[in-house]
PDB file of N, CA and C in Angstrom:
ATOM      1  N   UNK A   1      57.773 109.420 125.250  1.00  0.00           N
ATOM      2  CA  UNK A   1      58.673 110.259 124.902  1.00  0.00           C
ATOM      3  C   UNK A   1      59.837 110.443 124.103  1.00  0.00           C
ATOM      4  N   UNK A   2      60.196 111.135 123.360  1.00  0.00           N
ATOM      5  CA  UNK A   2      61.532 111.064 122.169  1.00  0.00           C
ATOM      6  C   UNK A   2      62.719 111.300 123.222  1.00  0.00           C
ATOM      7  N   UNK A   3      63.831 111.059 122.340  1.00  0.00           N
ATOM      8  CA  UNK A   3      65.081 111.343 122.960  1.00  0.00           C
ATOM      9  C   UNK A   3      64.912 112.445 123.041  1.00  0.00           C
ATOM     10  N   UNK A   4      64.719 113.534 122.540  1.00  0.00           N
ATOM     11  CA  UNK A   4      65.025 114.705 122.318  1.00  0.00           C
ATOM     12  C   UNK A   4      64.309 115.680 123.925  1.00  0.00           C
ATOM     13  N   UNK A   5      63.590 114.952 124.005  1.00  0.00           N
ATOM     14  CA  UNK A   5      63.186 115.433 125.951  1.00  0.00           C
ATOM     15  C   UNK A   5      63.889 115.194 126.620  1.00  0.00           C
ATOM     16  N   UNK A   6      64.554 113.840 126.674  1.00  0.00           N
ATOM     17  CA  UNK A   6      65.081 113.145 127.723  1.00  0.00           C
ATOM     18  C   UNK A   6      66.725 113.964 127.889  1.00  0.00           C
ATOM     19  N   UNK A   7      67.078 114.491 126.327  1.00  0.00           N
ATOM     20  CA  UNK A   7      68.540 115.022 126.784  1.00  0.00           C
ATOM     21  C   UNK A   7      68.521 116.358 126.498  1.00  0.00           C
ATOM     22  N   UNK A   8      67.306 117.015 126.379  1.00  0.00           N
ATOM     23  CA  UNK A   8      66.913 118.812 126.589  1.00  0.00           C
ATOM     24  C   UNK A   8      67.171 118.603 128.290  1.00  0.00           C
ATOM     25  N   UNK A   9      66.501 117.653 129.077  1.00  0.00           N
ATOM     26  CA  UNK A   9      66.173 117.448 130.627  1.00  0.00           C
ATOM     27  C   UNK A   9      67.678 117.378 130.930  1.00  0.00           C
ATOM     28  N   UNK A  10      68.232 116.773 130.380  1.00  0.00           N
ATOM     29  CA  UNK A  10      69.611 115.845 130.594  1.00  0.00           C
ATOM     30  C   UNK A  10      70.790 117.404 130.830  1.00  0.00           C
ATOM     31  N   UNK A  11      70.245 118.349 129.998  1.00  0.00           N
ATOM     32  CA  UNK A  11      71.112 119.230 129.713  1.00  0.00           C
ATOM     33  C   UNK A  11      70.786 120.587 130.552  1.00  0.00           C
ATOM     34  N   UNK A  12      69.593 120.637 130.901  1.00  0.00           N
ATOM     35  CA  UNK A  12      69.137 121.291 131.890  1.00  0.00           C
ATOM     36  C   UNK A  12      69.710 121.188 133.322  1.00  0.00           C
ATOM     37  N   UNK A  13      69.806 119.510 133.352  1.00  0.00           N
ATOM     38  CA  UNK A  13      70.407 119.347 134.845  1.00  0.00           C
ATOM     39  C   UNK A  13      71.482 119.487 134.893  1.00  0.00           C
ATOM     40  N   UNK A  14      72.612 119.517 133.637  1.00  0.00           N
ATOM     41  CA  UNK A  14      73.543 119.724 133.541  1.00  0.00           C
ATOM     42  C   UNK A  14      74.270 120.760 133.778  1.00  0.00           C
ATOM     43  N   UNK A  15      73.572 121.967 133.366  1.00  0.00           N
ATOM     44  CA  UNK A  15      73.730 123.438 132.981  1.00  0.00           C
ATOM     45  C   UNK A  15      73.501 123.775 134.605  1.00  0.00           C
ATOM     46  N   UNK A  16      72.514 123.569 135.245  1.00  0.00           N
ATOM     47  CA  UNK A  16      72.076 123.786 136.770  1.00  0.00           C
ATOM     48  C   UNK A  16      73.025 123.619 137.731  1.00  0.00           C
ATOM     49  N   UNK A  17      73.829 122.389 137.083  1.00  0.00           N
ATOM     50  CA  UNK A  17      75.067 121.694 138.158  1.00  0.00           C
ATOM     51  C   UNK A  17      75.967 122.854 137.825  1.00  0.00           C
ATOM     52  N   UNK A  18      76.503 122.833 136.456  1.00  0.00           N
ATOM     53  CA  UNK A  18      77.755 123.972 136.541  1.00  0.00           C
ATOM     54  C   UNK A  18      77.581 124.990 137.336  1.00  0.00           C
ATOM     55  N   UNK A  19      76.455 125.730 136.926  1.00  0.00           N
ATOM     56  CA  UNK A  19      76.134 126.957 137.475  1.00  0.00           C
ATOM     57  C   UNK A  19      76.141 127.070 138.895  1.00  0.00           C
ATOM     58  N   UNK A  20      76.127 126.002 139.448  1.00  0.00           N
ATOM     59  CA  UNK A  20      76.216 125.963 140.699  1.00  0.00           C
ATOM     60  C   UNK A  20      77.578 125.804 141.035  1.00  0.00           C
ATOM     61  N   UNK A  21      78.445 124.847 140.569  1.00  0.00           N
ATOM     62  CA  UNK A  21      79.551 124.744 140.978  1.00  0.00           C
ATOM     63  C   UNK A  21      80.067 126.446 140.631  1.00  0.00           C
ATOM     64  N   UNK A  22      79.833 126.912 139.644  1.00  0.00           N
ATOM     65  CA  UNK A  22      80.534 128.326 139.448  1.00  0.00           C
ATOM     66  C   UNK A  22      80.253 129.734 139.897  1.00  0.00           C
ATOM     67  N   UNK A  23      78.933 129.377 141.048  1.00  0.00           N
ATOM     68  CA  UNK A  23      78.425 130.419 141.572  1.00  0.00           C
ATOM     69  C   UNK A  23      78.503 130.230 143.317  1.00  0.00           C
ATOM     70  N   UNK A  24      78.157 129.431 143.650  1.00  0.00           N
ATOM     71  CA  UNK A  24      78.790 128.601 145.158  1.00  0.00           C
ATOM     72  C   UNK A  24      80.075 128.543 145.565  1.00  0.00           C
ATOM     73  N   UNK A  25      80.212 128.981 146.758  1.00  0.00           N
ATOM     74  CA  UNK A  25      81.271 129.150 147.461  1.00  0.00           C
ATOM     75  C   UNK A  25      81.414 127.968 148.603  1.00  0.00           C
ATOM     76  N   UNK A  26      80.217 127.363 148.935  1.00  0.00           N
ATOM     77  CA  UNK A  26      80.238 126.379 149.944  1.00  0.00           C
ATOM     78  C   UNK A  26      80.341 125.112 149.089  1.00  0.00           C
ATOM     79  N   UNK A  27      81.477 123.879 149.978  1.00  0.00           N
ATOM     80  CA  UNK A  27      82.108 123.085 149.643  1.00  0.00           C
ATOM     81  C   UNK A  27      81.113 121.992 149.431  1.00  0.00           C
ATOM     82  N   UNK A  28      80.045 121.604 150.338  1.00  0.00           N
ATOM     83  CA  UNK A  28      78.738 120.642 150.392  1.00  0.00           C
ATOM     84  C   UNK A  28      77.828 120.969 149.471  1.00  0.00           C
ATOM     85  N   UNK A  29      77.619 121.881 148.678  1.00  0.00           N
ATOM     86  CA  UNK A  29      76.891 122.623 147.410  1.00  0.00           C
ATOM     87  C   UNK A  29      77.507 121.942 146.547  1.00  0.00           C
ATOM     88  N   UNK A  30      78.809 122.635 146.513  1.00  0.00           N
ATOM     89  CA  UNK A  30      79.637 122.393 145.409  1.00  0.00           C
ATOM     90  C   UNK A  30      79.800 121.084 144.797  1.00  0.00           C
ATOM     91  N   UNK A  31      79.725 119.904 146.051  1.00  0.00           N
ATOM     92  CA  UNK A  31      79.451 118.038 145.675  1.00  0.00           C
ATOM     93  C   UNK A  31      78.203 117.649 145.198  1.00  0.00           C
ATOM     94  N   UNK A  32      77.135 118.611 145.749  1.00  0.00           N
ATOM     95  CA  UNK A  32      75.872 118.178 145.687  1.00  0.00           C
ATOM     96  C   UNK A  32      75.731 118.758 143.988  1.00  0.00           C
ATOM     97  N   UNK A  33      76.066 119.853 143.418  1.00  0.00           N
ATOM     98  CA  UNK A  33      76.288 120.384 142.259  1.00  0.00           C
ATOM     99  C   UNK A  33      77.353 118.990 141.012  1.00  0.00           C
ATOM    100  N   UNK A  34      78.076 118.556 141.699  1.00  0.00           N
ATOM    101  CA  UNK A  34      78.461 117.823 140.675  1.00  0.00           C
ATOM    102  C   UNK A  34      77.914 116.368 140.990  1.00  0.00           C
ATOM    103  N   UNK A  35      77.607 116.077 141.900  1.00  0.00           N
ATOM    104  CA  UNK A  35      76.433 115.223 141.780  1.00  0.00           C
ATOM    105  C   UNK A  35      75.559 115.296 140.939  1.00  0.00           C
ATOM    106  N   UNK A  36      74.737 116.567 140.783  1.00  0.00           N
ATOM    107  CA  UNK A  36      73.738 116.862 139.796  1.00  0.00           C
ATOM    108  C   UNK A  36      73.864 116.258 138.333  1.00  0.00           C
ATOM    109  N   UNK A  37      75.484 117.285 138.041  1.00  0.00           N
ATOM    110  CA  UNK A  37      75.932 116.876 136.591  1.00  0.00           C
ATOM    111  C   UNK A  37      76.226 115.567 136.494  1.00  0.00           C
ATOM    112  N   UNK A  38      76.638 114.537 137.424  1.00  0.00           N
ATOM    113  CA  UNK A  38      77.146 113.038 137.015  1.00  0.00           C
ATOM    114  C   UNK A  38      75.500 112.602 136.850  1.00  0.00           C
ATOM    115  N   UNK A  39      74.467 112.773 137.366  1.00  0.00           N
ATOM    116  CA  UNK A  39      73.238 112.223 137.084  1.00  0.00           C
ATOM    117  C   UNK A  39      72.760 112.776 135.487  1.00  0.00           C
ATOM    118  N   UNK A  40      73.012 114.166 135.459  1.00  0.00           N
ATOM    119  CA  UNK A  40      72.526 114.647 134.095  1.00  0.00           C
ATOM    120  C   UNK A  40      72.852 113.839 133.144  1.00  0.00           C
ATOM    121  N   UNK A  41      74.375 113.380 133.387  1.00  0.00           N
ATOM    122  CA  UNK A  41      75.335 112.425 132.197  1.00  0.00           C
ATOM    123  C   UNK A  41      74.650 111.027 132.535  1.00  0.00           C
ATOM    124  N   UNK A  42      74.452 110.430 133.276  1.00  0.00           N
ATOM    125  CA  UNK A  42      73.487 109.074 133.639  1.00  0.00           C
ATOM    126  C   UNK A  42      72.122 108.956 132.625  1.00  0.00           C
ATOM    127  N   UNK A  43      71.314 110.401 132.948  1.00  0.00           N
ATOM    128  CA  UNK A  43      70.424 110.278 131.946  1.00  0.00           C
ATOM    129  C   UNK A  43      70.653 110.451 130.825  1.00  0.00           C
ATOM    130  N   UNK A  44      71.365 110.894 130.308  1.00  0.00           N
ATOM    131  CA  UNK A  44      71.852 111.387 128.528  1.00  0.00           C
ATOM    132  C   UNK A  44      72.111 109.978 128.283  1.00  0.00           C
ATOM    133  N   UNK A  45      73.188 109.023 129.048  1.00  0.00           N
ATOM    134  CA  UNK A  45      73.594 107.442 128.887  1.00  0.00           C
ATOM    135  C   UNK A  45      72.438 106.733 128.693  1.00  0.00           C
ATOM    136  N   UNK A  46      71.354 106.808 129.667  1.00  0.00           N
ATOM    137  CA  UNK A  46      70.496 105.359 129.913  1.00  0.00           C
ATOM    138  C   UNK A  46      69.429 106.165 128.428  1.00  0.00           C
ATOM    139  N   UNK A  47      69.279 107.465 128.452  1.00  0.00           N
ATOM    140  CA  UNK A  47      68.183 107.452 127.420  1.00  0.00           C
ATOM    141  C   UNK A  47      68.859 107.422 125.503  1.00  0.00           C
ATOM    142  N   UNK A  48      69.911 107.384 125.998  1.00  0.00           N
ATOM    143  CA  UNK A  48      70.526 106.795 123.813  1.00  0.00           C
ATOM    144  C   UNK A  48      70.657 105.604 124.119  1.00  0.00           C
ATOM    145  N   UNK A  49      70.778 104.700 125.202  1.00  0.00           N
ATOM    146  CA  UNK A  49      70.940 103.348 125.418  1.00  0.00           C
ATOM    147  C   UNK A  49      69.837 102.938 125.535  1.00  0.00           C
ATOM    148  N   UNK A  50      68.738 103.755 125.411  1.00  0.00           N
ATOM    149  CA  UNK A  50      67.080 102.936 124.873  1.00  0.00           C
ATOM    150  C   UNK A  50      66.911 103.299 123.626  1.00  0.00           C
ATOM    151  N   UNK A  51      67.151 104.480 123.558  1.00  0.00           N
ATOM    152  CA  UNK A  51      66.805 104.619 121.563  1.00  0.00           C
ATOM    153  C   UNK A  51      67.855 103.827 121.239  1.00  0.00           C
ATOM    154  N   UNK A  52      68.619 103.428 121.154  1.00  0.00           N
ATOM    155  CA  UNK A  52      69.739 102.656 120.441  1.00  0.00           C
ATOM    156  C   UNK A  52      69.699 100.826 120.542  1.00  0.00           C
ATOM    157  N   UNK A  53      68.872 100.729 121.828  1.00  0.00           N
ATOM    158  CA  UNK A  53      68.514  99.483 122.336  1.00  0.00           C
ATOM    159  C   UNK A  53      69.773  98.650 122.585  1.00  0.00           C
ATOM    160  N   UNK A  54      70.811  99.288 122.942  1.00  0.00           N
ATOM    161  CA  UNK A  54      72.432  99.101 123.156  1.00  0.00           C
ATOM    162  C   UNK A  54      72.218  98.898 124.927  1.00  0.00           C
ATOM    163  N   UNK A  55      72.687  98.168 125.372  1.00  0.00           N
ATOM    164  CA  UNK A  55      72.635  98.241 127.010  1.00  0.00           C
ATOM    165  C   UNK A  55      73.846  98.718 127.617  1.00  0.00           C
ATOM    166  N   UNK A  56      74.863  99.167 126.415  1.00  0.00           N
ATOM    167  CA  UNK A  56      76.377  99.521 126.729  1.00  0.00           C
ATOM    168  C   UNK A  56      76.462 100.978 127.698  1.00  0.00           C
ATOM    169  N   UNK A  57      75.287 101.323 127.158  1.00  0.00           N
ATOM    170  CA  UNK A  57      75.105 102.642 128.467  1.00  0.00           C
ATOM    171  C   UNK A  57      74.498 102.638 129.460  1.00  0.00           C
ATOM    172  N   UNK A  58      74.066 101.847 129.799  1.00  0.00           N
ATOM    173  CA  UNK A  58      73.892 101.430 131.420  1.00  0.00           C
ATOM    174  C   UNK A  58      74.635 100.869 131.644  1.00  0.00           C
ATOM    175  N   UNK A  59      75.498 100.079 131.330  1.00  0.00           N
ATOM    176  CA  UNK A  59      76.715  99.845 132.258  1.00  0.00           C
ATOM    177  C   UNK A  59      77.609 100.650 132.210  1.00  0.00           C
ATOM    178  N   UNK A  60      77.336 101.921 131.631  1.00  0.00           N
ATOM    179  CA  UNK A  60      78.725 103.254 132.068  1.00  0.00           C
ATOM    180  C   UNK A  60      78.254 104.002 133.582  1.00  0.00           C
ATOM    181  N   UNK A  61      76.444 103.980 133.482  1.00  0.00           N
ATOM    182  CA  UNK A  61      75.959 104.358 134.457  1.00  0.00           C
ATOM    183  C   UNK A  61      76.171 103.600 135.662  1.00  0.00           C
ATOM    184  N   UNK A  62      76.741 102.743 135.518  1.00  0.00           N
ATOM    185  CA  UNK A  62      76.533 101.841 136.536  1.00  0.00           C
ATOM    186  C   UNK A  62      78.594 102.537 137.139  1.00  0.00           C
ATOM    187  N   UNK A  63      79.211 102.528 136.183  1.00  0.00           N
ATOM    188  CA  UNK A  63      80.219 102.923 136.547  1.00  0.00           C
ATOM    189  C   UNK A  63      80.533 104.401 136.753  1.00  0.00           C
ATOM    190  N   UNK A  64      79.496 105.125 136.415  1.00  0.00           N
ATOM    191  CA  UNK A  64      79.616 106.790 136.825  1.00  0.00           C
ATOM    192  C   UNK A  64      79.259 106.810 138.396  1.00  0.00           C
ATOM    193  N   UNK A  65      78.161 105.639 138.633  1.00  0.00           N
ATOM    194  CA  UNK A  65      77.477 105.787 140.165  1.00  0.00           C
ATOM    195  C   UNK A  65      78.728 105.198 141.035  1.00  0.00           C
ATOM    196  N   UNK A  66      79.615 104.563 140.768  1.00  0.00           N
ATOM    197  CA  UNK A  66      80.296 103.721 141.777  1.00  0.00           C
ATOM    198  C   UNK A  66      81.652 105.070 141.473  1.00  0.00           C
ATOM    199  N   UNK A  67      81.671 105.713 140.762  1.00  0.00           N
ATOM    200  CA  UNK A  67      82.969 106.838 140.770  1.00  0.00           C
ATOM    201  C   UNK A  67      82.016 108.074 141.770  1.00  0.00           C
ATOM    202  N   UNK A  68      80.792 107.908 141.754  1.00  0.00           N
ATOM    203  CA  UNK A  68      80.270 109.479 142.133  1.00  0.00           C
ATOM    204  C   UNK A  68      80.028 108.770 143.992  1.00  0.00           C
ATOM    205  N   UNK A  69      79.960 107.402 144.112  1.00  0.00           N
ATOM    206  CA  UNK A  69      79.890 106.657 145.385  1.00  0.00           C
ATOM    207  C   UNK A  69      81.234 107.140 146.200  1.00  0.00           C
ATOM    208  N   UNK A  70      82.546 106.864 145.075  1.00  0.00           N
ATOM    209  CA  UNK A  70      83.822 107.252 146.025  1.00  0.00           C
ATOM    210  C   UNK A  70      84.095 108.631 146.018  1.00  0.00           C
ATOM    211  N   UNK A  71      83.656 109.486 145.563  1.00  0.00           N
ATOM    212  CA  UNK A  71      83.611 110.821 145.175  1.00  0.00           C
ATOM    213  C   UNK A  71      83.296 111.299 146.446  1.00  0.00           C
ATOM    214  N   UNK A  72      81.896 111.034 147.083  1.00  0.00           N
ATOM    215  CA  UNK A  72      80.943 111.675 147.984  1.00  0.00           C
ATOM    216  C   UNK A  72      81.766 110.818 149.129  1.00  0.00           C
ATOM    217  N   UNK A  73      82.331 109.702 149.193  1.00  0.00           N
ATOM    218  CA  UNK A  73      82.724 109.504 150.457  1.00  0.00           C
ATOM    219  C   UNK A  73      84.195 109.855 150.780  1.00  0.00           C
ATOM    220  N   UNK A  74      84.781 110.015 149.741  1.00  0.00           N
ATOM    221  CA  UNK A  74      86.458 110.624 150.353  1.00  0.00           C
ATOM    222  C   UNK A  74      86.046 112.655 150.206  1.00  0.00           C
ATOM    223  N   UNK A  75      85.168 113.228 149.104  1.00  0.00           N
ATOM    224  CA  UNK A  75      85.069 114.505 149.558  1.00  0.00           C
ATOM    225  C   UNK A  75      84.263 114.797 150.880  1.00  0.00           C
ATOM    226  N   UNK A  76      83.331 114.152 151.457  1.00  0.00           N
ATOM    227  CA  UNK A  76      83.021 114.097 152.382  1.00  0.00           C
ATOM    228  C   UNK A  76      83.661 114.195 153.932  1.00  0.00           C
ATOM    229  N   UNK A  77      84.543 113.112 153.840  1.00  0.00           N
ATOM    230  CA  UNK A  77      85.504 112.993 154.682  1.00  0.00           C
ATOM    231  C   UNK A  77      86.573 114.201 154.687  1.00  0.00           C
ATOM    232  N   UNK A  78      86.783 114.571 153.787  1.00  0.00           N
ATOM    233  CA  UNK A  78      87.764 115.849 153.384  1.00  0.00           C
ATOM    234  C   UNK A  78      87.303 117.264 154.022  1.00  0.00           C
ATOM    235  N   UNK A  79      86.119 116.904 153.823  1.00  0.00           N
ATOM    236  CA  UNK A  79      84.998 118.131 154.118  1.00  0.00           C
ATOM    237  C   UNK A  79      84.828 118.218 155.497  1.00  0.00           C
ATOM    238  N   UNK A  80      84.905 117.327 156.153  1.00  0.00           N
ATOM    239  CA  UNK A  80      84.435 117.140 158.268  1.00  0.00           C
ATOM    240  C   UNK A  80      85.587 117.189 158.403  1.00  0.00           C
ATOM    241  N   UNK A  81      86.988 116.744 157.909  1.00  0.00           N
ATOM    242  CA  UNK A  81      88.072 117.016 158.607  1.00  0.00           C
ATOM    243  C   UNK A  81      88.475 118.630 158.510  1.00  0.00           C
ATOM    244  N   UNK A  82      88.582 119.264 156.894  1.00  0.00           N
ATOM    245  CA  UNK A  82      88.597 120.575 156.921  1.00  0.00           C
ATOM    246  C   UNK A  82      87.572 121.290 158.000  1.00  0.00           C
ATOM    247  N   UNK A  83      86.611 121.251 158.294  1.00  0.00           N
ATOM    248  CA  UNK A  83      85.512 121.586 158.884  1.00  0.00           C
ATOM    249  C   UNK A  83      86.000 121.958 160.556  1.00  0.00           C
ATOM    250  N   UNK A  84      86.736 120.454 161.029  1.00  0.00           N
ATOM    251  CA  UNK A  84      87.425 120.567 162.449  1.00  0.00           C
ATOM    252  C   UNK A  84      88.347 121.192 162.732  1.00  0.00           C
ATOM    253  N   UNK A  85      89.116 121.666 161.748  1.00  0.00           N
ATOM    254  CA  UNK A  85      89.849 122.460 162.041  1.00  0.00           C
ATOM    255  C   UNK A  85      90.205 123.660 161.542  1.00  0.00           C
ATOM    256  N   UNK A  86      89.180 124.484 160.309  1.00  0.00           N
ATOM    257  CA  UNK A  86      88.745 125.473 160.300  1.00  0.00           C
ATOM    258  C   UNK A  86      87.663 125.952 160.579  1.00  0.00           C
ATOM    259  N   UNK A  87      86.573 125.436 160.960  1.00  0.00           N
ATOM    260  CA  UNK A  87      85.108 125.293 161.261  1.00  0.00           C
ATOM    261  C   UNK A  87      84.611 126.336 160.172  1.00  0.00           C
ATOM    262  N   UNK A  88      84.611 125.886 159.127  1.00  0.00           N
ATOM    263  CA  UNK A  88      84.018 126.281 157.968  1.00  0.00           C
ATOM    264  C   UNK A  88      84.127 125.637 156.488  1.00  0.00           C
ATOM    265  N   UNK A  89      83.225 125.925 155.872  1.00  0.00           N
ATOM    266  CA  UNK A  89      83.580 124.761 154.319  1.00  0.00           C
ATOM    267  C   UNK A  89      83.083 126.336 153.607  1.00  0.00           C
ATOM    268  N   UNK A  90      83.495 127.364 153.648  1.00  0.00           N
ATOM    269  CA  UNK A  90      83.825 127.766 152.141  1.00  0.00           C
ATOM    270  C   UNK A  90      84.870 128.021 151.791  1.00  0.00           C
ATOM    271  N   UNK A  91      85.252 127.587 150.800  1.00  0.00           N
ATOM    272  CA  UNK A  91      86.286 127.324 149.857  1.00  0.00           C
ATOM    273  C   UNK A  91      86.957 128.306 149.271  1.00  0.00           C
ATOM    274  N   UNK A  92      86.504 129.944 149.681  1.00  0.00           N
ATOM    275  CA  UNK A  92      87.024 130.929 149.854  1.00  0.00           C
ATOM    276  C   UNK A  92      88.099 131.311 150.440  1.00  0.00           C
ATOM    277  N   UNK A  93      87.828 130.709 151.994  1.00  0.00           N
ATOM    278  CA  UNK A  93      88.146 130.882 153.168  1.00  0.00           C
ATOM    279  C   UNK A  93      89.644 130.051 153.088  1.00  0.00           C
ATOM    280  N   UNK A  94      88.731 128.707 152.770  1.00  0.00           N
ATOM    281  CA  UNK A  94      90.122 127.367 152.926  1.00  0.00           C
ATOM    282  C   UNK A  94      91.068 127.217 152.012  1.00  0.00           C
ATOM    283  N   UNK A  95      92.289 128.052 151.849  1.00  0.00           N
ATOM    284  CA  UNK A  95      93.028 128.209 150.345  1.00  0.00           C
ATOM    285  C   UNK A  95      94.102 127.104 150.602  1.00  0.00           C
ATOM    286  N   UNK A  96      94.236 126.799 151.670  1.00  0.00           N
ATOM    287  CA  UNK A  96      95.572 125.537 151.862  1.00  0.00           C
ATOM    288  C   UNK A  96      95.175 124.703 152.588  1.00  0.00           C
ATOM    289  N   UNK A  97      95.913 123.193 152.332  1.00  0.00           N
ATOM    290  CA  UNK A  97      95.527 122.284 153.265  1.00  0.00           C
ATOM    291  C   UNK A  97      96.412 122.067 154.354  1.00  0.00           C
ATOM    292  N   UNK A  98      97.369 122.909 154.554  1.00  0.00           N
ATOM    293  CA  UNK A  98      97.948 123.271 155.977  1.00  0.00           C
ATOM    294  C   UNK A  98      97.427 123.091 157.272  1.00  0.00           C
ATOM    295  N   UNK A  99      98.304 122.547 157.909  1.00  0.00           N
ATOM    296  CA  UNK A  99      97.461 122.316 159.414  1.00  0.00           C
ATOM    297  C   UNK A  99      97.343 123.510 159.876  1.00  0.00           C
TER     298      UNK A  99
END
């Protein structure tokens, strides 16, 4: 497969993630869409790295995966805490972080 197919798939995945973030109001689904966008960027990094024969794109993937893991850990902890206090994960109903 050529580079264009990988980049087209990456763009499609990124677009689905952006649409999900803009349309959905559930915090967990928003985090999943952000993860989808990060994975789309990873796919583009790996495809371009493979095409150029330079492993630096694959090194960036490890950094993006580290940021994604930290985002999931912190984000889910915040979501669980908000759910305990408000009993909802709808971002429209949770408008402040006051207890």
